[in-house]
Amino acid sequence: MIPIIHAQKAALRKSVEKRRRLLDEKEIIRSNRQIMHNMMNLPAYQQAKMIFCFVSTPAEIDTRPIMEDAFVSNKHVCVPRCISKGIMRAYGITGPDDLQPGKYDIPEPKSYCQYIDPAEIDFVIVPCVTCNVKGHRLGYGGGVLRPLS
């Protein structure tokens, strides 16, 4: 990546994260609900059979309602397991009991969970620092889903 763009993205991440820490809890809950409502009403989500979803940390949008809806809707859910810095693989889960603390203190699928090839995934939910009304996303700056090689 061009160094100036990398620096601009880093500055924007820092600015957004600072502003996010100033939000009150009611606004966070309201925003989470609105985002979940909008996403779960997308035709692509409703038609998807295999959902890849990041497992949220307290600083991120809460993805538990997404996964709960997917389970109730008989969708398959897979989540990332960190393999090495910035490299992840998808593993299927059937509920929150299939998760355990992983690298970086982010819940990950337990060792018995089945690997899911990325080609099987219909709908992907990834974390972001921020996005604009056109859907352009600014992520955290790392992380690639890789198939088994």
N, C-alpha and C. Protein backbone atom coordinates (compact mmCIF):
# COMPACT_ATOMS: atom_id res chain seq x y z
N MET A 1 0.85 -1.18 0.00
CA MET A 1 0.00 0.00 0.00
C MET A 1 0.89 1.24 0.00
N ILE A 2 0.45 2.28 -0.67
CA ILE A 2 1.20 3.52 -0.73
C ILE A 2 1.32 4.09 0.69
N PRO A 3 2.53 4.45 1.12
CA PRO A 3 2.73 4.90 2.51
C PRO A 3 1.80 6.03 2.95
N ILE A 4 1.52 6.99 2.09
CA ILE A 4 0.65 8.10 2.49
C ILE A 4 -0.77 7.63 2.76
N ILE A 5 -1.26 6.69 1.95
CA ILE A 5 -2.60 6.15 2.16
C ILE A 5 -2.63 5.35 3.46
N HIS A 6 -1.58 4.58 3.71
CA HIS A 6 -1.48 3.81 4.95
C HIS A 6 -1.54 4.76 6.16
N ALA A 7 -0.83 5.86 6.09
CA ALA A 7 -0.82 6.84 7.19
C ALA A 7 -2.19 7.50 7.34
N GLN A 8 -2.84 7.81 6.23
CA GLN A 8 -4.16 8.43 6.29
C GLN A 8 -5.18 7.48 6.91
N LYS A 9 -5.12 6.21 6.53
CA LYS A 9 -6.03 5.22 7.10
C LYS A 9 -5.78 5.06 8.60
N ALA A 10 -4.52 5.03 9.00
CA ALA A 10 -4.19 4.89 10.42
C ALA A 10 -4.73 6.09 11.21
N ALA A 11 -4.59 7.28 10.66
CA ALA A 11 -5.10 8.49 11.34
C ALA A 11 -6.62 8.46 11.42
N LEU A 12 -7.29 8.02 10.36
CA LEU A 12 -8.74 7.93 10.37
C LEU A 12 -9.22 6.90 11.39
N ARG A 13 -8.55 5.74 11.45
CA ARG A 13 -8.91 4.73 12.44
C ARG A 13 -8.83 5.30 13.85
N LYS A 14 -7.74 5.99 14.13
CA LYS A 14 -7.53 6.58 15.46
C LYS A 14 -8.62 7.60 15.78
N SER A 15 -8.96 8.43 14.82
CA SER A 15 -9.98 9.46 15.01
C SER A 15 -11.36 8.84 15.27
N VAL A 16 -11.72 7.85 14.48
CA VAL A 16 -13.02 7.20 14.62
C VAL A 16 -13.10 6.45 15.96
N GLU A 17 -12.05 5.75 16.31
CA GLU A 17 -12.05 5.01 17.58
C GLU A 17 -12.17 5.97 18.77
N LYS A 18 -11.55 7.13 18.68
CA LYS A 18 -11.67 8.13 19.75
C LYS A 18 -13.12 8.62 19.86
N ARG A 19 -13.75 8.89 18.72
CA ARG A 19 -15.15 9.34 18.72
C ARG A 19 -16.08 8.24 19.21
N ARG A 20 -15.78 7.00 18.85
CA ARG A 20 -16.63 5.88 19.27
C ARG A 20 -16.63 5.73 20.79
N ARG A 21 -15.48 5.96 21.42
CA ARG A 21 -15.40 5.86 22.88
C ARG A 21 -16.27 6.90 23.58
N LEU A 22 -16.64 7.96 22.87
CA LEU A 22 -17.46 9.02 23.45
C LEU A 22 -18.97 8.73 23.36
N LEU A 23 -19.35 7.71 22.59
CA LEU A 23 -20.77 7.38 22.45
C LEU A 23 -21.33 6.85 23.76
N ASP A 24 -22.56 7.24 24.06
CA ASP A 24 -23.16 6.69 25.28
C ASP A 24 -23.78 5.32 24.97
N GLU A 25 -24.00 4.56 26.01
CA GLU A 25 -24.45 3.18 25.87
C GLU A 25 -25.78 3.06 25.13
N LYS A 26 -26.70 3.98 25.37
CA LYS A 26 -27.99 3.94 24.68
C LYS A 26 -27.82 4.09 23.17
N GLU A 27 -26.92 4.98 22.77
CA GLU A 27 -26.67 5.18 21.33
C GLU A 27 -26.04 3.93 20.72
N ILE A 28 -25.15 3.30 21.44
CA ILE A 28 -24.51 2.07 20.95
C ILE A 28 -25.55 0.97 20.77
N ILE A 29 -26.42 0.79 21.75
CA ILE A 29 -27.47 -0.24 21.67
C ILE A 29 -28.41 0.06 20.51
N ARG A 30 -28.82 1.33 20.36
CA ARG A 30 -29.71 1.72 19.26
C ARG A 30 -29.04 1.45 17.91
N SER A 31 -27.79 1.83 17.79
CA SER A 31 -27.06 1.62 16.53
C SER A 31 -26.91 0.14 16.22
N ASN A 32 -26.56 -0.66 17.23
CA ASN A 32 -26.43 -2.11 17.03
C ASN A 32 -27.74 -2.69 16.49
N ARG A 33 -28.84 -2.33 17.12
CA ARG A 33 -30.15 -2.85 16.69
C ARG A 33 -30.46 -2.44 15.25
N GLN A 34 -30.18 -1.19 14.90
CA GLN A 34 -30.49 -0.72 13.54
C GLN A 34 -29.62 -1.43 12.51
N ILE A 35 -28.35 -1.60 12.82
CA ILE A 35 -27.45 -2.30 11.90
C ILE A 35 -27.92 -3.74 11.72
N MET A 36 -28.25 -4.42 12.82
CA MET A 36 -28.71 -5.81 12.74
C MET A 36 -30.00 -5.90 11.93
N HIS A 37 -30.93 -5.01 12.19
CA HIS A 37 -32.20 -5.00 11.46
C HIS A 37 -31.95 -4.84 9.96
N ASN A 38 -31.13 -3.86 9.60
CA ASN A 38 -30.84 -3.61 8.18
C ASN A 38 -30.17 -4.82 7.53
N MET A 39 -29.18 -5.38 8.20
CA MET A 39 -28.44 -6.50 7.64
C MET A 39 -29.32 -7.74 7.49
N MET A 40 -30.11 -8.05 8.52
CA MET A 40 -30.92 -9.26 8.46
C MET A 40 -32.08 -9.14 7.48
N ASN A 41 -32.38 -7.94 7.04
CA ASN A 41 -33.42 -7.75 6.03
C ASN A 41 -32.88 -7.72 4.60
N LEU A 42 -31.58 -7.85 4.45
CA LEU A 42 -31.00 -7.92 3.11
C LEU A 42 -31.40 -9.24 2.46
N PRO A 43 -31.85 -9.21 1.20
CA PRO A 43 -32.17 -10.47 0.52
C PRO A 43 -30.99 -11.45 0.50
N ALA A 44 -29.77 -10.93 0.34
CA ALA A 44 -28.60 -11.82 0.30
C ALA A 44 -28.43 -12.57 1.62
N TYR A 45 -28.69 -11.92 2.74
CA TYR A 45 -28.62 -12.58 4.05
C TYR A 45 -29.74 -13.60 4.17
N GLN A 46 -30.95 -13.19 3.82
CA GLN A 46 -32.10 -14.08 3.97
C GLN A 46 -31.96 -15.34 3.14
N GLN A 47 -31.32 -15.24 1.97
CA GLN A 47 -31.17 -16.40 1.08
C GLN A 47 -29.94 -17.24 1.40
N ALA A 48 -29.02 -16.69 2.16
CA ALA A 48 -27.75 -17.39 2.44
C ALA A 48 -27.98 -18.64 3.28
N LYS A 49 -27.20 -19.65 2.98
CA LYS A 49 -27.24 -20.90 3.74
C LYS A 49 -26.03 -21.02 4.66
N MET A 50 -24.88 -20.44 4.25
CA MET A 50 -23.64 -20.49 5.04
C MET A 50 -23.17 -19.06 5.28
N ILE A 51 -23.15 -18.66 6.54
CA ILE A 51 -22.77 -17.31 6.93
C ILE A 51 -21.41 -17.34 7.60
N PHE A 52 -20.52 -16.50 7.16
CA PHE A 52 -19.25 -16.28 7.86
C PHE A 52 -19.40 -15.01 8.66
N CYS A 53 -19.16 -15.08 9.96
CA CYS A 53 -19.36 -13.92 10.83
C CYS A 53 -18.21 -13.79 11.81
N PHE A 54 -17.67 -12.60 11.92
CA PHE A 54 -16.65 -12.38 12.94
C PHE A 54 -17.30 -12.44 14.31
N VAL A 55 -16.55 -12.85 15.31
CA VAL A 55 -17.03 -12.89 16.68
C VAL A 55 -16.59 -11.58 17.33
N SER A 56 -17.55 -10.79 17.73
CA SER A 56 -17.24 -9.43 18.18
C SER A 56 -16.55 -9.38 19.53
N THR A 57 -15.81 -8.30 19.71
CA THR A 57 -15.23 -7.94 20.99
C THR A 57 -16.09 -6.81 21.56
N PRO A 58 -15.92 -6.46 22.83
CA PRO A 58 -16.75 -5.40 23.41
C PRO A 58 -16.67 -4.05 22.68
N ALA A 59 -15.59 -3.79 21.98
CA ALA A 59 -15.44 -2.51 21.29
C ALA A 59 -16.12 -2.49 19.92
N GLU A 60 -16.69 -3.62 19.50
CA GLU A 60 -17.29 -3.73 18.17
C GLU A 60 -18.80 -3.91 18.26
N ILE A 61 -19.44 -3.82 17.10
CA ILE A 61 -20.86 -4.13 17.04
C ILE A 61 -21.05 -5.57 17.54
N ASP A 62 -22.10 -5.80 18.27
CA ASP A 62 -22.36 -7.11 18.86
C ASP A 62 -22.90 -8.05 17.79
N THR A 63 -22.13 -9.09 17.46
CA THR A 63 -22.55 -10.02 16.41
C THR A 63 -23.35 -11.21 16.95
N ARG A 64 -23.51 -11.31 18.27
CA ARG A 64 -24.28 -12.44 18.82
C ARG A 64 -25.69 -12.52 18.26
N PRO A 65 -26.43 -11.38 18.14
CA PRO A 65 -27.78 -11.49 17.57
C PRO A 65 -27.79 -12.01 16.12
N ILE A 66 -26.78 -11.69 15.36
CA ILE A 66 -26.70 -12.20 13.98
C ILE A 66 -26.59 -13.71 14.01
N MET A 67 -25.65 -14.20 14.81
CA MET A 67 -25.44 -15.64 14.88
C MET A 67 -26.67 -16.36 15.44
N GLU A 68 -27.30 -15.79 16.46
CA GLU A 68 -28.52 -16.39 17.02
C GLU A 68 -29.62 -16.47 15.97
N ASP A 69 -29.79 -15.38 15.20
CA ASP A 69 -30.80 -15.39 14.14
C ASP A 69 -30.46 -16.45 13.09
N ALA A 70 -29.20 -16.55 12.74
CA ALA A 70 -28.79 -17.55 11.74
C ALA A 70 -29.09 -18.97 12.23
N PHE A 71 -28.79 -19.25 13.49
CA PHE A 71 -29.07 -20.60 14.02
C PHE A 71 -30.57 -20.89 14.00
N VAL A 72 -31.36 -19.92 14.44
CA VAL A 72 -32.83 -20.09 14.48
C VAL A 72 -33.38 -20.24 13.06
N SER A 73 -32.74 -19.59 12.09
CA SER A 73 -33.19 -19.64 10.69
C SER A 73 -32.61 -20.83 9.94
N ASN A 74 -32.00 -21.76 10.66
CA ASN A 74 -31.40 -22.97 10.06
C ASN A 74 -30.31 -22.67 9.05
N LYS A 75 -29.58 -21.60 9.27
CA LYS A 75 -28.41 -21.30 8.45
C LYS A 75 -27.20 -21.92 9.15
N HIS A 76 -26.18 -22.21 8.38
CA HIS A 76 -24.92 -22.67 8.94
C HIS A 76 -24.08 -21.44 9.22
N VAL A 77 -23.34 -21.49 10.32
CA VAL A 77 -22.50 -20.36 10.72
C VAL A 77 -21.06 -20.83 10.83
N CYS A 78 -20.17 -20.04 10.26
CA CYS A 78 -18.75 -20.28 10.47
C CYS A 78 -18.10 -18.98 10.93
N VAL A 79 -17.05 -19.15 11.71
CA VAL A 79 -16.36 -18.02 12.30
C VAL A 79 -14.86 -18.21 12.09
N PRO A 80 -14.09 -17.13 12.23
CA PRO A 80 -12.65 -17.25 11.98
C PRO A 80 -11.87 -17.85 13.15
N ARG A 81 -10.83 -18.58 12.78
CA ARG A 81 -9.81 -19.01 13.73
C ARG A 81 -8.50 -18.41 13.21
N CYS A 82 -7.80 -17.69 14.08
CA CYS A 82 -6.52 -17.09 13.67
C CYS A 82 -5.46 -18.17 13.56
N ILE A 83 -4.82 -18.23 12.42
CA ILE A 83 -3.78 -19.22 12.17
C ILE A 83 -2.42 -18.60 12.45
N SER A 84 -2.23 -17.39 11.98
CA SER A 84 -1.04 -16.60 12.24
C SER A 84 -1.43 -15.14 12.03
N LYS A 85 -0.53 -14.23 12.26
CA LYS A 85 -0.86 -12.81 12.18
C LYS A 85 -1.50 -12.49 10.82
N GLY A 86 -2.76 -12.05 10.88
CA GLY A 86 -3.48 -11.65 9.67
C GLY A 86 -4.05 -12.77 8.83
N ILE A 87 -3.83 -14.02 9.21
CA ILE A 87 -4.32 -15.17 8.44
C ILE A 87 -5.36 -15.92 9.26
N MET A 88 -6.54 -16.13 8.66
CA MET A 88 -7.63 -16.82 9.34
C MET A 88 -8.18 -17.93 8.45
N ARG A 89 -8.84 -18.88 9.11
CA ARG A 89 -9.60 -19.92 8.40
C ARG A 89 -10.97 -19.99 9.04
N ALA A 90 -11.94 -20.41 8.25
CA ALA A 90 -13.32 -20.50 8.72
C ALA A 90 -13.62 -21.90 9.27
N TYR A 91 -14.33 -21.92 10.41
CA TYR A 91 -14.75 -23.18 11.03
C TYR A 91 -16.20 -23.06 11.44
N GLY A 92 -16.97 -24.11 11.18
CA GLY A 92 -18.38 -24.11 11.50
C GLY A 92 -18.63 -24.25 12.99
N ILE A 93 -19.65 -23.54 13.47
CA ILE A 93 -20.08 -23.67 14.86
C ILE A 93 -21.59 -23.90 14.87
N THR A 94 -22.07 -24.49 15.95
CA THR A 94 -23.51 -24.73 16.09
C THR A 94 -24.11 -23.90 17.22
N GLY A 95 -23.27 -23.17 17.92
CA GLY A 95 -23.73 -22.32 19.01
C GLY A 95 -22.55 -21.75 19.77
N PRO A 96 -22.84 -20.89 20.75
CA PRO A 96 -21.76 -20.24 21.51
C PRO A 96 -20.89 -21.21 22.30
N ASP A 97 -21.40 -22.40 22.60
CA ASP A 97 -20.59 -23.38 23.34
C ASP A 97 -19.43 -23.92 22.50
N ASP A 98 -19.47 -23.67 21.19
CA ASP A 98 -18.39 -24.11 20.31
C ASP A 98 -17.23 -23.12 20.29
N LEU A 99 -17.32 -22.05 21.08
CA LEU A 99 -16.27 -21.02 21.09
C LEU A 99 -15.45 -21.10 22.37
N GLN A 100 -14.19 -20.72 22.25
CA GLN A 100 -13.28 -20.65 23.40
C GLN A 100 -12.35 -19.47 23.18
N PRO A 101 -11.71 -18.96 24.24
CA PRO A 101 -10.77 -17.86 24.05
C PRO A 101 -9.66 -18.26 23.09
N GLY A 102 -9.37 -17.38 22.15
CA GLY A 102 -8.34 -17.67 21.16
C GLY A 102 -7.25 -16.62 21.19
N LYS A 103 -6.51 -16.56 20.10
CA LYS A 103 -5.46 -15.56 19.98
C LYS A 103 -6.08 -14.18 20.11
N TYR A 104 -5.33 -13.28 20.71
CA TYR A 104 -5.76 -11.89 20.88
C TYR A 104 -7.02 -11.78 21.75
N ASP A 105 -7.31 -12.82 22.55
CA ASP A 105 -8.49 -12.86 23.43
C ASP A 105 -9.81 -12.75 22.68
N ILE A 106 -9.82 -13.11 21.42
CA ILE A 106 -11.05 -13.13 20.62
C ILE A 106 -11.56 -14.56 20.62
N PRO A 107 -12.86 -14.77 20.94
CA PRO A 107 -13.38 -16.13 20.90
C PRO A 107 -13.21 -16.77 19.52
N GLU A 108 -12.78 -18.03 19.54
CA GLU A 108 -12.55 -18.79 18.30
C GLU A 108 -13.21 -20.15 18.42
N PRO A 109 -13.42 -20.81 17.28
CA PRO A 109 -14.01 -22.16 17.32
C PRO A 109 -13.07 -23.15 18.00
N LYS A 110 -13.68 -24.06 18.73
CA LYS A 110 -12.90 -25.10 19.41
C LYS A 110 -12.29 -26.05 18.38
N SER A 111 -11.33 -26.83 18.83
CA SER A 111 -10.55 -27.69 17.92
C SER A 111 -11.40 -28.71 17.17
N TYR A 112 -12.53 -29.14 17.74
CA TYR A 112 -13.35 -30.15 17.07
C TYR A 112 -14.22 -29.57 15.94
N CYS A 113 -14.28 -28.24 15.84
CA CYS A 113 -15.13 -27.62 14.81
C CYS A 113 -14.58 -27.91 13.41
N GLN A 114 -15.49 -28.08 12.47
CA GLN A 114 -15.14 -28.48 11.11
C GLN A 114 -14.70 -27.29 10.28
N TYR A 115 -13.59 -27.47 9.54
CA TYR A 115 -13.11 -26.47 8.60
C TYR A 115 -14.15 -26.25 7.51
N ILE A 116 -14.36 -24.99 7.11
CA ILE A 116 -15.28 -24.65 6.03
C ILE A 116 -14.49 -23.97 4.93
N ASP A 117 -14.57 -24.51 3.73
CA ASP A 117 -13.89 -23.90 2.59
C ASP A 117 -14.56 -22.57 2.27
N PRO A 118 -13.79 -21.51 2.02
CA PRO A 118 -14.40 -20.21 1.69
C PRO A 118 -15.38 -20.26 0.53
N ALA A 119 -15.19 -21.20 -0.40
CA ALA A 119 -16.10 -21.31 -1.56
C ALA A 119 -17.52 -21.70 -1.14
N GLU A 120 -17.69 -22.25 0.07
CA GLU A 120 -19.00 -22.66 0.56
C GLU A 120 -19.78 -21.52 1.21
N ILE A 121 -19.12 -20.39 1.44
CA ILE A 121 -19.72 -19.28 2.18
C ILE A 121 -20.56 -18.41 1.24
N ASP A 122 -21.82 -18.15 1.66
CA ASP A 122 -22.75 -17.35 0.87
C ASP A 122 -22.78 -15.87 1.28
N PHE A 123 -22.50 -15.61 2.55
CA PHE A 123 -22.66 -14.26 3.08
C PHE A 123 -21.57 -14.04 4.13
N VAL A 124 -20.89 -12.90 4.04
CA VAL A 124 -19.76 -12.61 4.92
C VAL A 124 -20.03 -11.35 5.73
N ILE A 125 -19.80 -11.44 7.03
CA ILE A 125 -19.93 -10.30 7.92
C ILE A 125 -18.55 -10.05 8.53
N VAL A 126 -17.96 -8.92 8.18
CA VAL A 126 -16.61 -8.60 8.64
C VAL A 126 -16.63 -7.34 9.50
N PRO A 127 -15.68 -7.24 10.41
CA PRO A 127 -15.64 -6.04 11.25
C PRO A 127 -15.13 -4.84 10.46
N CYS A 128 -15.49 -3.69 10.94
CA CYS A 128 -14.93 -2.48 10.35
C CYS A 128 -14.85 -1.39 11.40
N VAL A 129 -13.95 -0.48 11.16
CA VAL A 129 -13.82 0.68 12.04
C VAL A 129 -14.94 1.66 11.71
N THR A 130 -15.15 1.86 10.42
CA THR A 130 -16.21 2.75 9.96
C THR A 130 -16.49 2.47 8.48
N CYS A 131 -17.59 3.01 8.00
CA CYS A 131 -17.92 2.93 6.59
C CYS A 131 -18.73 4.17 6.23
N ASN A 132 -18.87 4.40 4.93
CA ASN A 132 -19.67 5.56 4.51
C ASN A 132 -21.00 5.09 3.94
N VAL A 133 -21.83 6.03 3.53
CA VAL A 133 -23.16 5.69 3.04
C VAL A 133 -23.12 4.90 1.74
N LYS A 134 -22.00 4.92 1.03
CA LYS A 134 -21.85 4.14 -0.20
C LYS A 134 -21.38 2.72 0.09
N GLY A 135 -21.12 2.42 1.38
CA GLY A 135 -20.68 1.08 1.75
C GLY A 135 -19.19 0.86 1.68
N HIS A 136 -18.42 1.91 1.46
CA HIS A 136 -16.97 1.77 1.47
C HIS A 136 -16.51 1.58 2.92
N ARG A 137 -15.73 0.56 3.14
CA ARG A 137 -15.37 0.12 4.49
C ARG A 137 -13.92 0.43 4.81
N LEU A 138 -13.69 0.86 6.04
CA LEU A 138 -12.34 0.98 6.58
C LEU A 138 -12.21 -0.07 7.66
N GLY A 139 -11.38 -1.07 7.41
CA GLY A 139 -11.20 -2.15 8.37
C GLY A 139 -10.11 -1.83 9.38
N TYR A 140 -9.72 -2.84 10.11
CA TYR A 140 -8.70 -2.69 11.14
C TYR A 140 -7.29 -2.81 10.58
N GLY A 141 -7.18 -3.18 9.32
CA GLY A 141 -5.87 -3.20 8.68
C GLY A 141 -5.17 -4.54 8.66
N GLY A 142 -5.89 -5.62 8.85
CA GLY A 142 -5.27 -6.92 8.80
C GLY A 142 -6.30 -8.02 8.80
N GLY A 143 -5.94 -9.15 8.25
CA GLY A 143 -6.82 -10.29 8.29
C GLY A 143 -7.28 -10.73 6.92
N VAL A 144 -6.92 -11.94 6.56
CA VAL A 144 -7.30 -12.53 5.27
C VAL A 144 -7.80 -13.94 5.54
N LEU A 145 -8.94 -14.28 4.96
CA LEU A 145 -9.47 -15.63 5.07
C LEU A 145 -8.79 -16.48 4.01
N ARG A 146 -8.11 -17.55 4.45
CA ARG A 146 -7.36 -18.38 3.53
C ARG A 146 -7.90 -19.80 3.55
N PRO A 147 -7.96 -20.44 2.37
CA PRO A 147 -8.34 -21.86 2.33
C PRO A 147 -7.15 -22.72 2.82
N LEU A 148 -7.45 -23.97 3.16
CA LEU A 148 -6.38 -24.90 3.49
C LEU A 148 -5.54 -25.10 2.23
N SER A 149 -4.24 -25.19 2.41
CA SER A 149 -3.42 -25.40 1.21
C SER A 149 -2.73 -26.73 1.26
